[in-house]
N, C-alpha and C. Protein backbone atom coordinates (compact mmCIF):
# COMPACT_ATOMS: atom_id res chain seq x y z
N MET A 1 -172.84 172.29 120.03
CA MET A 1 -173.73 170.81 119.74
C MET A 1 -173.14 170.03 120.12
N ALA A 2 -173.86 169.45 121.17
CA ALA A 2 -173.53 168.06 121.56
C ALA A 2 -173.40 166.40 120.67
N LYS A 3 -172.69 166.00 120.91
CA LYS A 3 -172.52 164.97 120.14
C LYS A 3 -173.48 163.76 120.14
N GLU A 4 -173.57 163.36 119.53
CA GLU A 4 -174.56 162.47 119.27
C GLU A 4 -174.15 161.06 119.92
N ALA A 5 -174.80 160.08 120.76
CA ALA A 5 -174.46 158.65 121.13
C ALA A 5 -174.71 157.95 120.22
N LEU A 6 -173.89 157.00 119.86
CA LEU A 6 -174.02 155.89 118.73
C LEU A 6 -173.01 154.69 119.10
N TYR A 7 -174.01 153.74 118.62
CA TYR A 7 -173.68 152.33 118.82
C TYR A 7 -173.45 151.49 118.07
N LYS A 8 -171.89 151.18 117.33
CA LYS A 8 -171.54 150.70 115.86
C LYS A 8 -172.23 151.22 114.67
N GLY A 9 -172.16 152.74 115.12
CA GLY A 9 -173.28 153.49 113.91
C GLY A 9 -174.46 153.72 113.84
N LYS A 10 -175.42 153.05 114.67
CA LYS A 10 -176.51 153.19 115.06
C LYS A 10 -177.41 154.15 116.21
N ASN A 11 -177.94 155.30 116.28
CA ASN A 11 -178.18 155.89 117.12
C ASN A 11 -179.49 155.28 117.85
N GLU A 12 -179.86 155.96 119.17
CA GLU A 12 -180.65 155.75 120.00
C GLU A 12 -182.06 155.10 119.41
N LYS A 13 -182.43 155.98 118.65
CA LYS A 13 -183.81 155.75 117.96
C LYS A 13 -184.05 154.33 116.92
N GLU A 14 -183.04 154.34 116.38
CA GLU A 14 -182.40 153.15 115.54
C GLU A 14 -182.62 151.58 116.54
N LEU A 15 -181.74 151.81 117.68
CA LEU A 15 -181.62 150.38 118.41
C LEU A 15 -182.53 150.37 119.03
N LYS A 16 -183.53 151.19 119.60
CA LYS A 16 -184.80 150.81 119.91
C LYS A 16 -186.07 150.30 119.41
N ASP A 17 -185.71 150.64 117.86
CA ASP A 17 -186.86 149.86 117.33
C ASP A 17 -186.18 148.65 116.54
N MET A 18 -184.82 148.21 116.84
CA MET A 18 -184.30 147.08 116.54
C MET A 18 -184.84 145.61 117.11
N SER A 19 -184.48 144.59 116.39
CA SER A 19 -185.28 143.44 116.99
C SER A 19 -183.97 142.90 117.74
N MET A 20 -184.16 141.93 118.85
CA MET A 20 -182.77 141.34 119.25
C MET A 20 -181.80 140.85 118.38
N ASN A 21 -182.57 139.71 117.55
CA ASN A 21 -181.51 139.00 116.58
C ASN A 21 -180.72 140.00 115.94
N ASP A 22 -181.54 141.29 115.48
CA ASP A 22 -180.37 142.42 114.54
C ASP A 22 -179.29 142.90 115.72
N PHE A 23 -179.58 143.07 116.73
CA PHE A 23 -178.90 143.69 117.63
C PHE A 23 -177.88 142.39 118.23
N ILE A 24 -177.89 141.62 118.45
CA ILE A 24 -177.19 140.40 118.41
C ILE A 24 -175.77 139.99 117.15
N LEU A 25 -176.55 140.37 116.01
CA LEU A 25 -175.52 140.41 114.94
C LEU A 25 -174.45 141.78 115.07
N ILE A 26 -174.95 142.98 115.33
CA ILE A 26 -173.74 144.05 115.64
C ILE A 26 -173.22 143.98 116.80
N THR A 27 -173.24 143.27 117.95
CA THR A 27 -172.66 143.55 119.66
C THR A 27 -171.24 142.83 118.88
N THR A 28 -170.61 142.79 119.96
CA THR A 28 -169.20 142.41 119.97
C THR A 28 -169.41 140.99 120.29
N SER A 29 -168.05 140.07 120.44
CA SER A 29 -168.31 138.64 120.45
C SER A 29 -168.58 137.85 121.94
N ARG A 30 -168.26 138.53 122.46
CA ARG A 30 -168.80 138.07 124.05
C ARG A 30 -170.22 138.15 124.17
N PRO A 31 -170.81 139.42 124.11
CA PRO A 31 -172.68 139.37 124.65
C PRO A 31 -173.30 138.71 123.43
N ARG A 32 -172.43 138.61 122.21
CA ARG A 32 -173.27 137.80 121.37
C ARG A 32 -173.54 136.45 121.51
N ARG A 33 -172.36 135.88 122.36
CA ARG A 33 -172.38 134.51 122.54
C ARG A 33 -173.45 134.11 123.62
N ALA A 34 -173.40 134.81 124.44
CA ALA A 34 -174.02 134.95 125.86
C ALA A 34 -175.32 135.01 125.43
N LEU A 35 -175.91 136.11 124.21
CA LEU A 35 -177.65 136.18 123.94
C LEU A 35 -177.85 134.88 123.14
N LYS A 36 -176.75 134.62 121.82
CA LYS A 36 -177.18 133.47 121.43
C LYS A 36 -177.64 132.31 122.13
N ARG A 37 -177.22 131.84 123.48
CA ARG A 37 -177.25 130.62 123.99
C ARG A 37 -178.76 130.96 124.56
N GLY A 38 -179.26 132.01 124.53
CA GLY A 38 -180.47 132.32 124.99
C GLY A 38 -180.94 132.83 126.76
N LEU A 39 -181.38 133.65 127.15
CA LEU A 39 -181.44 134.22 128.60
C LEU A 39 -181.93 133.14 129.48
N PRO A 40 -181.46 133.06 130.64
CA PRO A 40 -182.01 132.14 132.03
C PRO A 40 -183.04 132.63 132.10
N GLU A 41 -183.86 132.04 132.94
CA GLU A 41 -185.36 132.61 133.60
C GLU A 41 -185.25 133.82 134.52
N ALA A 42 -184.29 133.85 135.13
CA ALA A 42 -183.90 135.24 136.12
C ALA A 42 -183.76 136.47 134.82
N HIS A 43 -183.12 136.44 133.71
CA HIS A 43 -182.96 137.18 132.92
C HIS A 43 -184.56 137.74 131.76
N LYS A 44 -184.96 136.58 132.00
CA LYS A 44 -186.28 136.53 131.12
C LYS A 44 -187.17 137.43 132.20
N ARG A 45 -187.32 137.27 133.64
CA ARG A 45 -187.90 138.05 134.24
C ARG A 45 -187.74 139.82 134.46
N LEU A 46 -186.36 139.85 134.16
CA LEU A 46 -185.99 141.20 134.06
C LEU A 46 -186.33 141.55 133.26
N VAL A 47 -186.43 141.34 131.87
CA VAL A 47 -186.86 141.73 130.37
C VAL A 47 -188.24 142.09 130.72
N GLU A 48 -188.98 141.11 131.15
CA GLU A 48 -190.48 141.16 131.37
C GLU A 48 -190.83 142.43 132.39
N LYS A 49 -190.15 142.63 133.41
CA LYS A 49 -190.20 143.95 133.96
C LYS A 49 -189.77 144.96 133.77
N VAL A 50 -188.95 144.96 132.91
CA VAL A 50 -188.74 146.18 132.14
C VAL A 50 -189.43 146.51 131.22
N LYS A 51 -190.18 145.68 130.68
CA LYS A 51 -191.17 146.12 129.32
C LYS A 51 -192.31 146.69 130.12
N LYS A 52 -192.98 146.22 131.50
CA LYS A 52 -194.07 146.46 132.19
C LYS A 52 -193.60 147.79 132.79
N PHE A 53 -192.54 147.98 132.62
CA PHE A 53 -192.22 149.38 133.43
C PHE A 53 -192.04 150.61 132.78
N LYS A 54 -191.81 150.28 131.29
CA LYS A 54 -191.86 151.25 130.38
C LYS A 54 -193.23 151.68 129.77
N GLN A 55 -193.90 150.33 130.01
CA GLN A 55 -195.51 150.62 129.47
C GLN A 55 -196.56 151.31 131.05
N GLY A 56 -195.76 151.90 131.78
CA GLY A 56 -196.27 151.92 132.73
C GLY A 56 -197.40 151.19 134.05
N LYS A 57 -197.15 149.70 133.41
CA LYS A 57 -197.98 148.96 134.27
C LYS A 57 -197.15 149.06 135.72
N VAL A 58 -196.25 149.23 135.94
CA VAL A 58 -195.76 148.84 137.33
C VAL A 58 -194.76 150.34 137.77
N LYS A 59 -195.52 150.95 138.53
CA LYS A 59 -194.99 151.98 139.23
C LYS A 59 -193.61 152.12 140.07
N LYS A 60 -193.07 150.73 140.82
CA LYS A 60 -192.09 150.69 141.03
C LYS A 60 -190.78 150.88 140.51
N ILE A 61 -189.44 150.84 141.25
CA ILE A 61 -188.24 151.07 140.75
C ILE A 61 -187.98 149.32 140.05
N VAL A 62 -187.20 149.58 139.06
CA VAL A 62 -186.81 148.13 138.65
C VAL A 62 -185.58 147.71 139.35
N LYS A 63 -185.57 146.68 140.28
CA LYS A 63 -184.35 145.79 141.18
C LYS A 63 -184.02 144.76 140.23
N THR A 64 -183.19 144.40 140.74
CA THR A 64 -182.28 143.19 140.20
C THR A 64 -181.09 142.87 141.00
N HIS A 65 -180.72 141.37 140.90
CA HIS A 65 -179.63 140.90 141.36
C HIS A 65 -178.65 140.46 139.76
N CYS A 66 -179.55 140.25 139.13
CA CYS A 66 -178.59 139.84 137.89
C CYS A 66 -177.59 141.02 137.55
N ARG A 67 -176.39 140.67 137.97
CA ARG A 67 -175.31 141.55 137.37
C ARG A 67 -174.55 141.09 136.18
N ASP A 68 -174.94 139.97 136.00
CA ASP A 68 -174.30 139.27 134.33
C ASP A 68 -175.29 139.35 133.49
N MET A 69 -176.35 140.38 133.50
CA MET A 69 -177.05 140.42 132.55
C MET A 69 -176.57 141.56 131.83
N ILE A 70 -176.83 140.86 130.37
CA ILE A 70 -176.44 142.23 129.20
C ILE A 70 -177.16 143.35 128.80
N VAL A 71 -176.64 144.17 128.88
CA VAL A 71 -177.39 145.49 128.76
C VAL A 71 -178.02 145.36 127.25
N ILE A 72 -179.26 145.10 126.92
CA ILE A 72 -180.12 145.23 125.38
C ILE A 72 -180.68 146.54 125.05
N PRO A 73 -180.71 146.83 123.81
CA PRO A 73 -181.87 148.12 123.61
C PRO A 73 -182.77 148.21 124.03
N GLU A 74 -183.69 146.68 124.63
CA GLU A 74 -184.96 147.79 125.24
C GLU A 74 -184.93 148.17 127.03
N PHE A 75 -183.38 147.99 127.03
CA PHE A 75 -183.32 148.91 128.46
C PHE A 75 -183.14 150.32 128.19
N LEU A 76 -183.03 150.95 127.10
CA LEU A 76 -182.30 152.30 126.73
C LEU A 76 -183.64 153.11 127.83
N GLY A 77 -182.74 154.45 128.47
CA GLY A 77 -183.66 155.40 128.86
C GLY A 77 -184.39 154.78 130.05
N VAL A 78 -184.11 153.38 130.95
CA VAL A 78 -184.47 153.02 131.95
C VAL A 78 -183.74 153.10 132.96
N THR A 79 -183.67 153.71 134.52
CA THR A 79 -182.77 152.97 135.56
C THR A 79 -183.08 151.93 135.97
N ILE A 80 -182.27 150.89 136.02
CA ILE A 80 -182.55 149.85 136.54
C ILE A 80 -181.30 149.79 138.20
N HIS A 81 -181.74 149.32 139.15
CA HIS A 81 -181.30 149.11 140.20
C HIS A 81 -180.88 147.91 140.42
N VAL A 82 -179.35 147.94 140.67
CA VAL A 82 -178.18 146.42 140.64
C VAL A 82 -178.01 146.68 142.02
N TYR A 83 -177.77 145.34 142.32
CA TYR A 83 -177.60 145.21 143.91
C TYR A 83 -176.07 144.85 143.91
N SER A 84 -175.53 145.45 144.93
CA SER A 84 -173.69 145.61 145.17
C SER A 84 -173.25 144.92 145.80
N GLY A 85 -174.29 143.61 146.68
CA GLY A 85 -174.32 142.81 147.50
C GLY A 85 -174.14 143.40 148.65
N ARG A 86 -174.72 144.56 148.89
CA ARG A 86 -174.85 145.21 150.09
C ARG A 86 -176.54 146.30 150.04
N GLU A 87 -176.00 147.15 148.54
CA GLU A 87 -177.60 147.97 148.28
C GLU A 87 -177.65 147.95 146.86
N PHE A 88 -178.81 148.58 146.89
CA PHE A 88 -179.04 148.67 145.21
C PHE A 88 -178.57 149.64 144.55
N VAL A 89 -177.77 150.03 143.81
CA VAL A 89 -177.00 151.16 142.86
C VAL A 89 -178.01 151.79 141.77
N PRO A 90 -178.43 152.93 141.72
CA PRO A 90 -179.16 152.97 140.30
C PRO A 90 -178.15 152.95 139.22
N VAL A 91 -178.68 152.21 138.05
CA VAL A 91 -177.72 152.50 136.75
C VAL A 91 -178.49 153.09 135.59
N PRO A 92 -178.40 154.10 135.43
CA PRO A 92 -179.31 154.81 134.01
C PRO A 92 -178.64 154.40 132.96
N ILE A 93 -179.34 153.64 131.83
CA ILE A 93 -179.02 152.77 131.22
C ILE A 93 -179.08 153.94 129.58
N THR A 94 -177.76 153.85 129.06
CA THR A 94 -177.51 154.97 127.72
C THR A 94 -176.98 153.95 126.74
N VAL A 95 -177.01 154.60 125.53
CA VAL A 95 -176.17 153.92 124.29
C VAL A 95 -174.98 153.52 125.05
N GLU A 96 -174.03 154.23 125.50
CA GLU A 96 -172.50 153.56 125.57
C GLU A 96 -172.68 152.45 126.71
N LYS A 97 -173.32 151.87 127.28
CA LYS A 97 -173.59 150.87 127.74
C LYS A 97 -174.21 149.43 127.30
N LEU A 98 -174.61 149.98 125.98
CA LEU A 98 -175.12 148.49 125.68
C LEU A 98 -174.36 147.56 125.43
N GLY A 99 -174.48 146.13 125.78
CA GLY A 99 -173.62 145.32 125.50
C GLY A 99 -172.53 144.96 126.84
N HIS A 100 -172.54 145.54 127.26
CA HIS A 100 -171.96 145.19 128.69
C HIS A 100 -172.81 144.82 129.75
N ALA A 101 -172.10 143.89 130.81
CA ALA A 101 -173.33 143.64 132.25
C ALA A 101 -173.17 144.65 132.73
N LEU A 102 -174.94 144.50 133.44
CA LEU A 102 -175.20 145.44 134.57
C LEU A 102 -173.87 145.50 135.69
N GLY A 103 -173.23 144.30 136.00
CA GLY A 103 -172.46 144.31 137.09
C GLY A 103 -171.18 145.39 136.92
N GLU A 104 -170.96 145.07 135.75
CA GLU A 104 -169.66 146.59 135.15
C GLU A 104 -169.95 148.13 135.68
N PHE A 105 -170.88 147.74 136.07
CA PHE A 105 -171.14 149.58 136.78
C PHE A 105 -171.71 149.60 138.14
N VAL A 106 -171.72 148.62 138.62
CA VAL A 106 -171.69 148.54 140.32
C VAL A 106 -170.48 148.20 140.99
N LEU A 107 -169.82 148.78 141.29
CA LEU A 107 -168.80 147.91 142.03
C LEU A 107 -169.28 147.21 143.60
N THR A 108 -168.43 146.35 143.72
CA THR A 108 -168.80 145.64 144.83
C THR A 108 -167.74 145.49 145.88
N ARG A 109 -166.78 146.29 145.81
CA ARG A 109 -165.54 146.47 146.73
C ARG A 109 -164.91 148.14 146.25
N HIS A 110 -164.86 148.53 147.61
CA HIS A 110 -164.51 150.22 147.80
C HIS A 110 -163.20 150.17 148.42
N LYS A 111 -162.47 151.45 148.15
CA LYS A 111 -161.14 151.70 148.30
C LYS A 111 -161.46 151.93 149.75
N VAL A 112 -160.64 151.38 150.82
CA VAL A 112 -160.57 151.90 151.91
C VAL A 112 -159.50 152.90 152.03
N GLN A 113 -160.32 154.01 153.15
CA GLN A 113 -159.28 155.31 153.11
C GLN A 113 -159.37 155.22 154.68
N HIS A 114 -157.75 154.95 155.14
CA HIS A 114 -157.43 155.06 156.55
C HIS A 114 -157.01 156.37 156.70
N SER A 115 -157.09 156.62 158.20
CA SER A 115 -156.68 157.73 158.57
C SER A 115 -155.69 157.40 159.51
N ALA A 116 -155.01 158.57 159.87
CA ALA A 116 -153.60 158.27 160.63
C ALA A 116 -153.76 157.39 161.93
N PRO A 117 -152.45 156.85 161.95
CA PRO A 117 -152.44 155.80 163.22
C PRO A 117 -152.62 156.19 164.24
N GLY A 118 -153.08 155.28 165.24
CA GLY A 118 -153.48 156.09 166.84
C GLY A 118 -152.25 155.92 167.54
N VAL A 119 -151.98 156.62 168.82
CA VAL A 119 -150.78 156.20 169.64
C VAL A 119 -150.74 154.99 170.12
N GLY A 120 -149.37 154.03 169.55
CA GLY A 120 -148.94 153.07 169.93
C GLY A 120 -149.38 152.05 168.70
N ALA A 121 -149.56 152.68 168.27
CA ALA A 121 -149.46 152.07 167.05
C ALA A 121 -148.45 151.63 166.09
N THR A 122 -147.30 152.80 166.06
CA THR A 122 -146.47 152.07 165.49
C THR A 122 -145.17 152.29 166.17
N ARG A 123 -143.97 152.24 165.97
CA ARG A 123 -142.42 152.51 166.76
C ARG A 123 -142.42 153.86 167.21
N SER A 124 -142.55 154.74 166.38
CA SER A 124 -142.54 156.27 166.76
C SER A 124 -143.06 156.73 166.90
N SER A 125 -144.41 156.18 167.56
CA SER A 125 -145.25 156.80 168.90
C SER A 125 -145.25 156.46 170.15
N ALA A 126 -144.25 155.41 170.13
CA ALA A 126 -143.93 154.36 171.47
C ALA A 126 -143.35 155.43 172.60
N GLY A 127 -142.62 156.71 172.04
CA GLY A 127 -141.83 157.61 172.35
C GLY A 127 -142.81 158.67 173.03
N ALA A 128 -144.17 158.94 172.25
CA ALA A 128 -144.80 160.13 172.35
C ALA A 128 -145.63 160.05 173.68
N SER A 129 -145.61 161.29 174.10
CA SER A 129 -146.61 161.07 175.64
C SER A 129 -147.99 161.12 175.16
N PRO A 130 -148.43 160.46 176.27
CA PRO A 130 -149.86 160.67 175.97
C PRO A 130 -150.92 161.29 176.21
N LYS A 131 -151.79 161.77 175.80
CA LYS A 131 -152.41 163.33 175.94
C LYS A 131 -152.84 163.19 177.47
N LYS A 132 -152.75 164.91 177.83
CA LYS A 132 -153.08 165.08 179.18
C LYS A 132 -154.40 165.86 179.12
């Protein structure tokens, strides 16, 4: 039996029915302060876009550059494509992601994987004969 995902003792159905003010009261201090200050216009547009998407009025995917947007219960069940600086990366919104910023789930930098050095790149390869 799979364990049910909870956020502060609330299941997904209770969170979806919860108002924004109730969610602000149960979340941690950092997102609470950000949400109490009110949402900027770009964040309000994203919330409206998600509402329209959930109602079926918009068929396109939900894309955003708002990496600092706090994940709220209205986003549950939606996949939001967040810009990484190069491409839009899909982020499925689940209960575990509530209260976090969207940008936390999309990395902007990736670890460089170097291959072996070429001939002449190091002192040890200076004595090696070039390929024939």
